[in-house]
Amino acid sequence: MTDTAHTLGTSRTLWELVERRAALTPERPVLLQGDRALTFGELRERAERCAAGLYGMGVRPGTVVAWQLPTRIETAVLSFALARIGAVQSPVIPFYRDREVGFALRESKADFFAVPGVWRGFDHTEMARRLGARGVFEAYDSLPDGDPAVLPPPPDGGTSQAEGSGGGTDVRWIYWTSGTTSDPKGVLHTDRSLIAGGSCLAHALRLSEDDVGSMAFPYAHIAGPDYTVMLLLYGFPAVMFEQFALPEALAEYRRHGVTVAGGSTAFYSMFLAEQRKLPPGEKLIPSLRLLAGGGAPKPPEIYHAVVREMGCQLTHGYGMTEVPMITMGAPDDTAENLATTEGRPPEGMEIRISEGGEVRLRGEAVCRGYLDPAQSAAAFDEDGFLITGDVGHVTASGHLVLTGRIKDIIIRKGENISAKEIEDLLHRHPAVGDAAVVGLPDAERGERVCAVIEQPPGAEPLTLEAVTGFLRAEGLSVHKLPEQLEVVEALPRNETLRKVLKYKLRERYAGSPVTPS
């Protein structure tokens, strides 16, 4: 990390970080979208005017403001305006509907709710009214506006809830877990925890002010502030995609000379699929030098394919809503470590592996807990380490290897089987585009191993016999071989980082018979 980035990383609040960066490089762009560009100086000025408009509406330090907005320059401006006031923000993914949105509004007790109006054919304003949301206002092309002279002093990083104070150590963010099997959890973050997470990402990727990043994920995701903090620390811009799809988005990557792209494993696969449509030697994005992301397991074969076929480096990391950045691969790591590990933690992130192999975390980037005190009490061990539910180990070089999640461990006839181990091997098969392995209830075995496979276009149809024969040849133990094979057109995924929703696969195939040999 450069000396400047290190100094900026000591900022107590996000607003302090914005002011310090704007003072250093006011004319440099920070956000690019279509024909529009916003500089660091303009971000500070527009956010302060928006803060004044929000203040005139009644938003004060500690006021809870939920927002469900797409990835736009205006969304970032509104979010930093709220940070300028010291409000508590509750971002909601734009794809969520009545059940999830209603839950978030009730649990957070939001006083205001910002929506985009009609977006992608859905009327968010009408949904907000249907849910009885308070303080509904639209924030898409236009934002609240006012004279910054009405504003109290910015948050100072203290813990007081009085007007004009609070910030760095106060809870200022409520993020929502995906809620794939039950109601979402409200995750409590401070400005400092988000700055710490973004600093970890920035330090690992070895970026400079000459880079151009990209946001292909929802800004309302925890990755939004994570990434924006990195831009503020290093002073380079990112291209924002309100609606991301390939190949449509490629023109913007090329137009702006994006050097760093990614999002998650699914994004790597999407870029690879487009690269394979081109003649050998022709680069998909000529300026691209690095794919980076996290949010889902990365099979080693994906790493090797990206480096070999796209001609750029790939670094993958480990994070979650509760801890936006835990570890990250560095571009100068060995190929073996980049392919098989999640990278190393930054200074200040403690990783403890329990006797059962569970990963536990302690550090400044860790959340303060959950809205529900009972959930908070269950989430931390007696030493204050967050219990992640992930299983793994740390190598002698300090790299973290994840072997799966506790709930993804399949117990077949009393033997523990890692779903990730089988998935990584399946990704080596040329007729496998993506794969998910789940355990299904079985009267004889306790659980049986089911492989659900998504095939690339034109691939020969796979059979269970062909799959198990391939896995045997790859050295997989016989007791780990799948007993059931399901081939689908597309694996079910969430709308944020395109993570496979395994609970849907368990629901769909729990009553299915074992595939005949």
Protein backbone atom coordinates (compact mmCIF):
# COMPACT_ATOMS: atom_id res chain seq x y z
CA MET A 1 0.00 0.00 0.00
CA THR A 2 1.33 3.46 -0.87
CA ASP A 3 2.08 5.98 1.87
CA THR A 4 -0.86 8.13 0.73
CA ALA A 5 -3.26 5.17 0.75
CA HIS A 6 -2.01 4.10 4.16
CA THR A 7 -2.58 7.61 5.55
CA LEU A 8 -6.07 7.81 4.05
CA GLY A 9 -6.83 4.37 5.49
CA THR A 10 -6.58 5.84 8.98
CA SER A 11 -9.70 7.96 8.36
CA ARG A 12 -12.22 7.53 11.17
CA THR A 13 -15.30 7.95 9.00
CA LEU A 14 -16.20 7.50 5.35
CA TRP A 15 -16.92 11.21 5.04
CA GLU A 16 -13.48 12.07 6.35
CA LEU A 17 -12.05 9.73 3.71
CA VAL A 18 -14.04 11.50 0.98
CA GLU A 19 -12.85 14.93 2.12
CA ARG A 20 -9.21 13.89 2.32
CA ARG A 21 -9.23 12.30 -1.15
CA ALA A 22 -11.10 15.27 -2.68
CA ALA A 23 -8.48 17.61 -1.25
CA LEU A 24 -5.68 15.54 -2.82
CA THR A 25 -7.04 14.89 -6.33
CA PRO A 26 -10.26 16.91 -6.86
CA GLU A 27 -10.13 16.76 -10.68
CA ARG A 28 -9.51 13.02 -11.05
CA PRO A 29 -12.55 10.88 -11.95
CA VAL A 30 -13.91 8.39 -9.43
CA LEU A 31 -17.07 7.04 -11.10
CA LEU A 32 -17.71 6.50 -14.82
CA GLN A 33 -21.07 5.53 -16.31
CA GLY A 34 -21.90 5.79 -19.99
CA ASP A 35 -21.00 9.32 -21.08
CA ARG A 36 -20.93 10.62 -17.50
CA ALA A 37 -17.99 11.03 -15.15
CA LEU A 38 -17.89 12.18 -11.54
CA THR A 39 -14.65 13.50 -10.04
CA PHE A 40 -13.58 13.15 -6.42
CA GLY A 41 -14.19 16.86 -5.93
CA GLU A 42 -17.66 16.62 -7.45
CA LEU A 43 -18.46 13.61 -5.28
CA ARG A 44 -17.76 15.68 -2.18
CA GLU A 45 -19.72 18.70 -3.45
CA ARG A 46 -22.76 16.82 -4.76
CA ALA A 47 -22.92 14.60 -1.68
CA GLU A 48 -22.84 17.63 0.62
CA ARG A 49 -25.65 19.35 -1.30
CA CYS A 50 -27.66 16.12 -1.24
CA ALA A 51 -26.99 15.85 2.51
CA ALA A 52 -28.42 19.34 2.95
CA GLY A 53 -31.53 18.32 1.03
CA LEU A 54 -31.91 15.20 3.18
CA TYR A 55 -31.40 17.31 6.31
CA GLY A 56 -34.24 19.53 5.16
CA MET A 57 -36.42 16.44 4.88
CA GLY A 58 -35.69 15.58 8.52
CA VAL A 59 -32.76 13.17 8.24
CA ARG A 60 -30.48 13.57 11.27
CA PRO A 61 -27.49 11.73 12.75
CA GLY A 62 -28.76 8.29 13.76
CA THR A 63 -31.86 8.44 11.52
CA VAL A 64 -32.35 5.07 9.79
CA VAL A 65 -32.61 5.46 6.01
CA ALA A 66 -33.19 2.37 3.88
CA TRP A 67 -32.42 2.56 0.16
CA GLN A 68 -33.12 0.13 -2.65
CA LEU A 69 -31.32 1.64 -5.62
CA PRO A 70 -29.46 0.31 -8.68
CA THR A 71 -25.74 0.70 -9.33
CA ARG A 72 -25.66 4.35 -10.42
CA ILE A 73 -23.61 7.46 -9.78
CA GLU A 74 -26.63 8.93 -7.99
CA THR A 75 -26.75 5.96 -5.60
CA ALA A 76 -23.15 6.53 -4.54
CA VAL A 77 -23.82 10.26 -4.08
CA LEU A 78 -26.87 9.55 -1.89
CA SER A 79 -24.97 7.03 0.20
CA PHE A 80 -22.12 9.46 0.87
CA ALA A 81 -24.65 12.20 1.62
CA LEU A 82 -26.06 9.99 4.35
CA ALA A 83 -22.53 9.34 5.59
CA ARG A 84 -21.97 13.11 5.72
CA ILE A 85 -24.96 13.48 8.05
CA GLY A 86 -24.13 10.42 10.13
CA ALA A 87 -27.39 8.60 9.37
CA VAL A 88 -27.76 4.83 9.68
CA GLN A 89 -28.00 3.30 6.22
CA SER A 90 -29.83 0.09 5.35
CA PRO A 91 -29.03 -0.82 1.72
CA VAL A 92 -31.41 -3.33 0.10
CA ILE A 93 -30.55 -5.26 -3.09
CA PRO A 94 -32.73 -3.87 -5.95
CA PHE A 95 -33.91 -7.34 -7.02
CA TYR A 96 -35.59 -8.06 -3.67
CA ARG A 97 -39.36 -7.86 -3.51
CA ASP A 98 -42.13 -7.60 -0.90
CA ARG A 99 -41.06 -10.37 1.48
CA GLU A 100 -37.39 -9.39 1.84
CA VAL A 101 -37.96 -5.64 1.57
CA GLY A 102 -40.82 -5.68 4.06
CA PHE A 103 -38.70 -7.65 6.50
CA ALA A 104 -35.77 -5.20 6.17
CA LEU A 105 -38.00 -2.16 6.66
CA ARG A 106 -39.70 -3.62 9.74
CA GLU A 107 -36.55 -4.91 11.41
CA SER A 108 -34.49 -1.77 10.79
CA LYS A 109 -37.40 0.51 11.75
CA ALA A 110 -36.46 2.71 8.78
CA ASP A 111 -37.68 6.32 8.99
CA PHE A 112 -37.09 6.94 5.27
CA PHE A 113 -36.95 4.72 2.19
CA ALA A 114 -35.30 5.77 -1.09
CA VAL A 115 -36.45 3.92 -4.22
CA PRO A 116 -35.81 4.28 -7.98
CA GLY A 117 -39.47 4.55 -9.00
CA VAL A 118 -40.23 2.18 -11.87
CA TRP A 119 -37.02 0.28 -12.62
CA ARG A 120 -36.68 -2.60 -15.06
CA GLY A 121 -40.43 -2.82 -15.33
CA PHE A 122 -41.10 -3.01 -11.57
CA ASP A 123 -42.75 -0.21 -9.59
CA HIS A 124 -40.67 0.15 -6.42
CA THR A 125 -42.64 3.18 -5.26
CA GLU A 126 -45.88 1.26 -5.36
CA MET A 127 -44.27 -1.65 -3.47
CA ALA A 128 -43.03 0.78 -0.79
CA ARG A 129 -46.53 2.17 -0.34
CA ARG A 130 -47.99 -1.34 -0.31
CA LEU A 131 -45.59 -2.23 2.50
CA GLY A 132 -46.49 0.88 4.49
CA ALA A 133 -42.94 2.27 4.31
CA ARG A 134 -42.34 5.64 5.95
CA GLY A 135 -40.68 8.63 4.30
CA VAL A 136 -40.69 7.17 0.78
CA PHE A 137 -38.86 9.27 -1.82
CA GLU A 138 -37.52 8.57 -5.30
CA ALA A 139 -33.77 8.94 -5.92
CA TYR A 140 -32.84 8.07 -9.48
CA ASP A 141 -32.17 10.91 -11.95
CA SER A 142 -32.60 13.58 -9.27
CA LEU A 143 -31.61 13.74 -5.61
CA PRO A 144 -32.59 15.95 -2.66
CA ASP A 145 -30.71 19.23 -2.83
CA GLY A 146 -29.97 22.07 -0.44
CA ASP A 147 -27.49 24.59 0.91
CA PRO A 148 -24.68 22.82 2.86
CA ALA A 149 -24.63 25.78 5.27
CA VAL A 150 -27.59 24.21 7.10
CA LEU A 151 -25.62 21.07 7.98
CA PRO A 152 -24.13 20.35 11.40
CA PRO A 153 -20.43 19.44 11.59
CA PRO A 154 -19.51 16.11 9.99
CA PRO A 155 -19.36 12.95 12.17
CA ASP A 156 -16.13 13.01 14.15
CA GLY A 157 -15.55 9.33 14.83
CA GLY A 158 -16.81 9.34 18.43
CA THR A 159 -19.53 7.26 20.02
CA SER A 160 -22.01 9.93 21.08
CA GLN A 161 -25.43 9.86 19.43
CA ALA A 162 -25.81 13.64 19.74
CA GLU A 163 -26.38 15.64 16.58
CA GLY A 164 -23.16 16.31 14.72
CA SER A 165 -21.14 13.55 16.38
CA GLY A 166 -20.76 9.84 16.07
CA GLY A 167 -19.32 7.98 13.09
CA GLY A 168 -16.27 5.77 13.02
CA THR A 169 -17.11 3.58 16.00
CA ASP A 170 -20.90 3.88 15.87
CA VAL A 171 -23.07 1.46 13.93
CA ARG A 172 -23.90 3.32 10.73
CA TRP A 173 -24.81 0.45 8.40
CA ILE A 174 -27.32 -2.41 8.40
CA TYR A 175 -26.57 -4.90 5.65
CA TRP A 176 -28.73 -7.94 4.95
CA THR A 177 -27.62 -11.52 4.48
CA SER A 178 -29.18 -13.37 1.57
CA GLY A 179 -31.84 -15.11 3.67
CA THR A 180 -31.81 -18.15 1.39
CA THR A 181 -33.23 -20.57 3.94
CA SER A 182 -34.88 -18.23 6.45
CA ASP A 183 -35.40 -14.54 7.08
CA PRO A 184 -32.32 -12.38 6.35
CA LYS A 185 -30.07 -11.25 9.18
CA GLY A 186 -29.39 -7.56 9.72
CA VAL A 187 -25.59 -7.20 9.92
CA LEU A 188 -24.28 -4.19 11.85
CA HIS A 189 -21.25 -2.33 10.49
CA THR A 190 -19.40 0.84 11.37
CA ASP A 191 -17.60 3.23 9.04
CA ARG A 192 -14.32 1.89 10.38
CA SER A 193 -15.20 -1.75 9.68
CA LEU A 194 -16.00 -0.87 6.06
CA ILE A 195 -12.81 1.18 5.69
CA ALA A 196 -10.82 -1.72 7.12
CA GLY A 197 -12.41 -4.13 4.64
CA GLY A 198 -11.71 -1.87 1.66
CA SER A 199 -8.15 -1.30 2.84
CA CYS A 200 -7.56 -5.06 2.89
CA LEU A 201 -8.75 -5.36 -0.72
CA ALA A 202 -6.70 -2.37 -1.87
CA HIS A 203 -3.53 -3.61 -0.16
CA ALA A 204 -3.78 -7.10 -1.63
CA LEU A 205 -4.44 -6.13 -5.25
CA ARG A 206 -1.40 -3.82 -5.56
CA LEU A 207 -3.34 -1.20 -7.54
CA SER A 208 -2.29 2.30 -8.57
CA GLU A 209 -3.87 5.58 -9.67
CA ASP A 210 -3.37 4.44 -13.29
CA ASP A 211 -5.86 1.59 -12.93
CA VAL A 212 -9.51 1.62 -14.02
CA GLY A 213 -11.84 -0.63 -12.05
CA SER A 214 -15.40 -1.83 -12.61
CA MET A 215 -18.54 -2.44 -10.56
CA ALA A 216 -20.65 -5.13 -12.20
CA PHE A 217 -22.41 -6.03 -8.94
CA PRO A 218 -25.21 -4.28 -7.02
CA TYR A 219 -23.89 -1.20 -5.19
CA ALA A 220 -26.26 -2.16 -2.35
CA HIS A 221 -24.18 -5.30 -1.78
CA ILE A 222 -21.45 -5.16 0.90
CA ALA A 223 -18.99 -5.09 -2.03
CA GLY A 224 -20.23 -1.56 -2.88
CA PRO A 225 -18.50 0.33 -0.06
CA ASP A 226 -15.67 -2.21 -0.06
CA TYR A 227 -14.81 -1.27 -3.63
CA THR A 228 -15.50 2.45 -3.24
CA VAL A 229 -13.14 2.66 -0.27
CA MET A 230 -10.44 1.21 -2.53
CA LEU A 231 -11.10 3.94 -5.12
CA LEU A 232 -10.82 6.63 -2.45
CA LEU A 233 -7.60 5.18 -1.05
CA TYR A 234 -5.80 4.91 -4.39
CA GLY A 235 -7.45 7.70 -6.38
CA PHE A 236 -8.52 5.80 -9.49
CA PRO A 237 -11.95 5.45 -11.15
CA ALA A 238 -14.37 2.59 -11.72
CA VAL A 239 -16.97 1.99 -14.42
CA MET A 240 -20.47 1.40 -12.99
CA PHE A 241 -22.90 -1.00 -14.67
CA GLU A 242 -26.56 -0.44 -13.84
CA GLN A 243 -27.46 -3.62 -15.72
CA PHE A 244 -24.61 -6.06 -16.29
CA ALA A 245 -24.74 -8.66 -19.04
CA LEU A 246 -22.24 -10.09 -21.46
CA PRO A 247 -21.45 -9.52 -24.25
CA GLU A 248 -23.38 -6.20 -24.05
CA ALA A 249 -21.12 -4.75 -21.34
CA LEU A 250 -17.87 -5.41 -23.23
CA ALA A 251 -18.09 -2.13 -25.16
CA GLU A 252 -17.93 -0.16 -21.89
CA TYR A 253 -14.95 -2.17 -20.61
CA ARG A 254 -13.09 -1.44 -23.83
CA ARG A 255 -14.22 2.19 -24.08
CA HIS A 256 -12.95 3.11 -20.64
CA GLY A 257 -9.83 0.91 -20.74
CA VAL A 258 -10.77 -1.17 -17.71
CA THR A 259 -7.68 -2.80 -16.17
CA VAL A 260 -9.37 -4.60 -13.24
CA ALA A 261 -12.63 -6.55 -13.59
CA GLY A 262 -14.40 -9.45 -11.92
CA GLY A 263 -16.93 -9.96 -9.16
CA SER A 264 -17.10 -13.68 -8.38
CA THR A 265 -16.42 -17.10 -9.86
CA ALA A 266 -19.53 -16.87 -12.05
CA PHE A 267 -18.19 -13.64 -13.56
CA TYR A 268 -14.86 -15.31 -14.38
CA SER A 269 -16.75 -18.06 -16.22
CA MET A 270 -18.82 -15.48 -18.13
CA PHE A 271 -15.69 -13.66 -19.30
CA LEU A 272 -14.08 -16.96 -20.28
CA ALA A 273 -17.11 -17.94 -22.33
CA GLU A 274 -16.83 -14.67 -24.29
CA GLN A 275 -13.07 -15.05 -24.70
CA ARG A 276 -13.59 -18.49 -26.26
CA LYS A 277 -15.69 -16.95 -29.04
CA LEU A 278 -12.66 -15.00 -30.31
CA PRO A 279 -9.79 -16.15 -32.53
CA PRO A 280 -6.69 -17.40 -30.64
CA GLY A 281 -4.47 -14.56 -29.49
CA GLU A 282 -7.18 -11.87 -29.59
CA LYS A 283 -7.82 -10.40 -26.13
CA LEU A 284 -11.39 -9.93 -25.00
CA ILE A 285 -10.56 -6.67 -23.18
CA PRO A 286 -7.17 -5.40 -24.43
CA SER A 287 -6.50 -3.23 -21.36
CA LEU A 288 -7.43 -5.91 -18.79
CA ARG A 289 -4.58 -7.10 -16.60
CA LEU A 290 -6.42 -8.50 -13.58
CA LEU A 291 -9.61 -10.37 -12.75
CA ALA A 292 -10.42 -10.26 -9.05
CA GLY A 293 -13.33 -11.18 -6.85
CA GLY A 294 -14.74 -13.45 -4.17
CA GLY A 295 -18.09 -14.40 -2.73
CA ALA A 296 -18.08 -18.02 -3.91
CA PRO A 297 -15.59 -20.92 -4.15
CA LYS A 298 -13.14 -20.82 -7.07
CA PRO A 299 -12.16 -24.15 -8.67
CA PRO A 300 -8.42 -24.25 -9.48
CA GLU A 301 -9.18 -25.01 -13.14
CA ILE A 302 -10.96 -21.66 -13.49
CA TYR A 303 -7.77 -19.89 -12.39
CA HIS A 304 -5.60 -21.76 -14.87
CA ALA A 305 -8.10 -21.24 -17.71
CA VAL A 306 -8.27 -17.45 -17.12
CA VAL A 307 -4.49 -17.04 -17.06
CA ARG A 308 -3.99 -19.31 -20.06
CA GLU A 309 -6.81 -18.07 -22.29
CA MET A 310 -7.42 -14.45 -21.28
CA GLY A 311 -3.79 -13.49 -20.78
CA CYS A 312 -4.33 -11.76 -17.44
CA GLN A 313 -3.87 -12.56 -13.76
CA LEU A 314 -6.64 -13.80 -11.48
CA THR A 315 -6.73 -13.17 -7.74
CA HIS A 316 -9.54 -14.50 -5.60
CA GLY A 317 -10.52 -13.63 -2.04
CA TYR A 318 -12.74 -14.55 0.85
CA GLY A 319 -15.36 -12.28 2.34
CA MET A 320 -18.93 -12.24 3.60
CA THR A 321 -21.54 -9.71 4.60
CA GLU A 322 -20.28 -9.93 8.19
CA VAL A 323 -16.64 -9.35 7.15
CA PRO A 324 -16.41 -7.73 3.72
CA MET A 325 -12.80 -8.73 3.14
CA ILE A 326 -10.99 -11.45 5.07
CA THR A 327 -8.23 -12.69 2.77
CA MET A 328 -7.20 -11.89 -0.79
CA GLY A 329 -4.78 -13.38 -3.26
CA ALA A 330 -2.01 -11.01 -4.37
CA PRO A 331 -0.89 -10.70 -8.01
CA ASP A 332 2.66 -11.68 -7.01
CA ASP A 333 1.58 -14.86 -5.20
CA THR A 334 2.67 -18.17 -6.72
CA ALA A 335 0.39 -19.80 -9.27
CA GLU A 336 -0.18 -22.67 -6.85
CA ASN A 337 -1.37 -20.35 -4.09
CA LEU A 338 -3.55 -18.32 -6.46
CA ALA A 339 -5.18 -21.47 -7.81
CA THR A 340 -5.73 -23.38 -4.58
CA THR A 341 -6.06 -20.82 -1.75
CA GLU A 342 -8.11 -17.72 -0.86
CA GLY A 343 -5.01 -15.63 -0.24
CA ARG A 344 -3.63 -14.24 3.01
CA PRO A 345 -5.25 -12.00 5.62
CA PRO A 346 -4.03 -8.43 6.04
CA GLU A 347 -2.37 -7.18 9.19
CA GLY A 348 -5.01 -6.94 11.89
CA MET A 349 -7.19 -9.84 10.70
CA GLU A 350 -6.87 -12.81 13.04
CA ILE A 351 -7.86 -16.25 11.77
CA ARG A 352 -8.39 -19.10 14.20
CA ILE A 353 -9.18 -22.65 13.11
CA SER A 354 -11.25 -24.53 15.69
CA GLU A 355 -10.70 -28.16 16.60
CA GLY A 356 -13.42 -29.08 14.12
CA GLY A 357 -11.71 -27.15 11.34
CA GLU A 358 -14.11 -24.19 11.43
CA VAL A 359 -12.77 -20.76 10.43
CA ARG A 360 -13.19 -18.04 13.05
CA LEU A 361 -12.31 -14.35 12.68
CA ARG A 362 -11.43 -11.35 14.79
CA GLY A 363 -10.38 -7.88 13.61
CA GLU A 364 -11.46 -4.35 12.76
CA ALA A 365 -13.29 -5.40 9.59
CA VAL A 366 -15.56 -7.79 11.51
CA CYS A 367 -19.13 -6.58 12.00
CA ARG A 368 -20.49 -5.55 15.39
CA GLY A 369 -23.06 -8.35 15.32
CA TYR A 370 -26.69 -8.52 14.24
CA LEU A 371 -29.84 -6.52 14.81
CA ASP A 372 -31.19 -9.50 16.76
CA PRO A 373 -29.21 -9.72 20.05
CA ALA A 374 -29.79 -13.48 20.23
CA GLN A 375 -28.18 -13.93 16.82
CA SER A 376 -25.24 -11.79 17.93
CA ALA A 377 -24.74 -13.87 21.05
CA ALA A 378 -24.62 -17.08 19.02
CA ALA A 379 -22.29 -15.65 16.36
CA PHE A 380 -19.17 -15.09 18.49
CA ASP A 381 -17.14 -17.47 20.64
CA GLU A 382 -15.91 -16.73 24.16
CA ASP A 383 -12.80 -14.96 22.81
CA GLY A 384 -14.76 -12.65 20.53
CA PHE A 385 -14.07 -14.52 17.28
CA LEU A 386 -16.84 -14.58 14.68
CA ILE A 387 -17.97 -18.14 13.92
CA THR A 388 -18.17 -18.29 10.11
CA GLY A 389 -19.54 -21.78 9.41
CA ASP A 390 -16.75 -22.27 6.84
CA VAL A 391 -14.24 -25.11 7.11
CA GLY A 392 -10.59 -24.80 6.16
CA HIS A 393 -6.96 -24.56 7.23
CA VAL A 394 -4.03 -22.14 7.05
CA THR A 395 -0.90 -23.21 5.19
CA ALA A 396 2.67 -22.74 6.39
CA SER A 397 2.91 -19.64 4.17
CA GLY A 398 -0.14 -18.10 5.86
CA HIS A 399 -2.59 -18.70 3.01
CA LEU A 400 -6.13 -19.76 3.82
CA VAL A 401 -7.56 -22.86 2.16
CA LEU A 402 -11.35 -23.30 2.35
CA THR A 403 -12.62 -26.84 2.00
CA GLY A 404 -16.34 -26.07 2.23
CA ARG A 405 -19.06 -25.04 4.62
CA ILE A 406 -20.15 -27.08 7.60
CA LYS A 407 -23.62 -27.39 6.05
CA ASP A 408 -21.97 -28.55 2.80
CA ILE A 409 -20.23 -31.46 4.47
CA ILE A 410 -22.06 -34.59 3.30
CA ILE A 411 -22.18 -37.37 5.88
CA ARG A 412 -22.51 -40.64 3.97
CA LYS A 413 -22.51 -43.83 6.08
CA GLY A 414 -20.76 -41.91 8.85
CA GLU A 415 -17.98 -40.59 6.59
CA ASN A 416 -17.52 -36.84 6.03
CA ILE A 417 -17.35 -35.85 2.35
CA SER A 418 -16.40 -32.36 1.12
CA ALA A 419 -18.70 -31.14 -1.66
CA LYS A 420 -16.02 -28.67 -2.77
CA GLU A 421 -13.47 -31.43 -3.38
CA ILE A 422 -15.82 -33.14 -5.84
CA GLU A 423 -16.84 -29.84 -7.47
CA ASP A 424 -13.21 -28.86 -8.08
CA LEU A 425 -12.58 -32.18 -9.85
CA LEU A 426 -15.75 -31.91 -11.93
CA HIS A 427 -14.62 -28.54 -13.25
CA ARG A 428 -11.72 -30.32 -14.96
CA HIS A 429 -14.13 -32.21 -17.22
CA PRO A 430 -14.48 -30.51 -20.64
CA ALA A 431 -18.24 -31.23 -20.73
CA VAL A 432 -18.86 -29.46 -17.40
CA GLY A 433 -19.56 -25.73 -17.44
CA ASP A 434 -20.37 -25.49 -13.74
CA ALA A 435 -21.20 -27.95 -11.00
CA ALA A 436 -22.74 -28.07 -7.53
CA VAL A 437 -22.61 -31.09 -5.25
CA VAL A 438 -25.16 -31.52 -2.46
CA GLY A 439 -26.11 -34.14 0.08
CA LEU A 440 -29.65 -35.50 -0.14
CA PRO A 441 -31.54 -37.47 2.54
CA ASP A 442 -31.14 -41.22 2.08
CA ALA A 443 -32.64 -43.95 4.26
CA GLU A 444 -29.75 -46.36 3.69
CA ARG A 445 -26.76 -44.00 3.66
CA GLY A 446 -27.95 -41.11 5.81
CA GLU A 447 -27.06 -38.82 2.92
CA ARG A 448 -26.23 -39.56 -0.70
CA VAL A 449 -23.98 -37.54 -2.98
CA CYS A 450 -25.79 -35.73 -5.79
CA ALA A 451 -23.91 -33.87 -8.54
CA VAL A 452 -25.87 -31.19 -10.40
CA ILE A 453 -24.14 -30.13 -13.59
CA GLU A 454 -24.54 -27.27 -16.03
CA GLN A 455 -23.02 -28.10 -19.43
CA PRO A 456 -21.52 -25.68 -21.95
CA PRO A 457 -23.25 -25.28 -25.34
CA GLY A 458 -22.64 -28.17 -27.71
CA ALA A 459 -21.24 -30.54 -25.08
CA GLU A 460 -22.01 -34.24 -25.28
CA PRO A 461 -24.67 -35.24 -22.70
CA LEU A 462 -23.15 -36.66 -19.53
CA THR A 463 -24.17 -39.85 -17.76
CA LEU A 464 -23.57 -40.88 -14.16
CA GLU A 465 -21.28 -43.65 -15.39
CA ALA A 466 -19.18 -41.16 -17.37
CA VAL A 467 -18.98 -38.76 -14.43
CA THR A 468 -17.98 -41.39 -11.85
CA GLY A 469 -15.46 -42.88 -14.29
CA PHE A 470 -13.87 -39.46 -14.73
CA LEU A 471 -13.76 -38.85 -10.97
CA ARG A 472 -12.17 -42.27 -10.39
CA ALA A 473 -9.50 -41.44 -12.96
CA GLU A 474 -8.88 -38.15 -11.14
CA GLY A 475 -8.19 -40.10 -7.94
CA LEU A 476 -11.39 -39.50 -5.98
CA SER A 477 -12.03 -42.14 -3.32
CA VAL A 478 -14.80 -44.58 -4.16
CA HIS A 479 -16.91 -43.70 -1.11
CA LYS A 480 -17.10 -40.06 -2.32
CA LEU A 481 -18.44 -40.83 -5.80
CA PRO A 482 -21.87 -39.34 -6.65
CA GLU A 483 -24.82 -41.72 -6.60
CA GLN A 484 -27.06 -39.26 -8.39
CA LEU A 485 -26.52 -37.01 -11.41
CA GLU A 486 -28.77 -34.17 -12.51
CA VAL A 487 -28.03 -32.13 -15.64
CA VAL A 488 -29.67 -28.68 -15.78
CA GLU A 489 -29.72 -25.85 -18.30
CA ALA A 490 -28.72 -23.36 -15.59
CA LEU A 491 -27.91 -23.69 -11.91
CA PRO A 492 -30.07 -21.49 -9.65
CA ARG A 493 -28.14 -18.39 -8.59
CA ASN A 494 -28.68 -15.25 -6.57
CA GLU A 495 -28.80 -11.84 -8.26
CA THR A 496 -25.81 -10.28 -6.53
CA LEU A 497 -22.58 -12.23 -7.10
CA ARG A 498 -24.30 -15.07 -9.00
CA LYS A 499 -23.67 -17.55 -6.18
CA VAL A 500 -25.24 -20.99 -6.65
CA LEU A 501 -28.24 -21.50 -4.35
CA LYS A 502 -27.69 -25.01 -3.08
CA TYR A 503 -30.77 -24.98 -0.88
CA LYS A 504 -32.89 -24.86 -4.04
CA LEU A 505 -31.10 -27.93 -5.38
CA ARG A 506 -31.69 -29.81 -2.12
CA GLU A 507 -35.37 -28.89 -2.23
CA ARG A 508 -35.73 -29.86 -5.89
CA TYR A 509 -34.00 -33.24 -5.76
CA ALA A 510 -34.58 -34.46 -2.19
CA GLY A 511 -37.35 -36.82 -3.32
CA SER A 512 -35.72 -37.90 -6.58
CA PRO A 513 -34.65 -41.52 -7.01
CA VAL A 514 -30.98 -42.45 -7.24
CA THR A 515 -29.78 -42.20 -10.84
CA PRO A 516 -29.64 -45.67 -12.45
CA SER A 517 -26.13 -46.82 -13.33
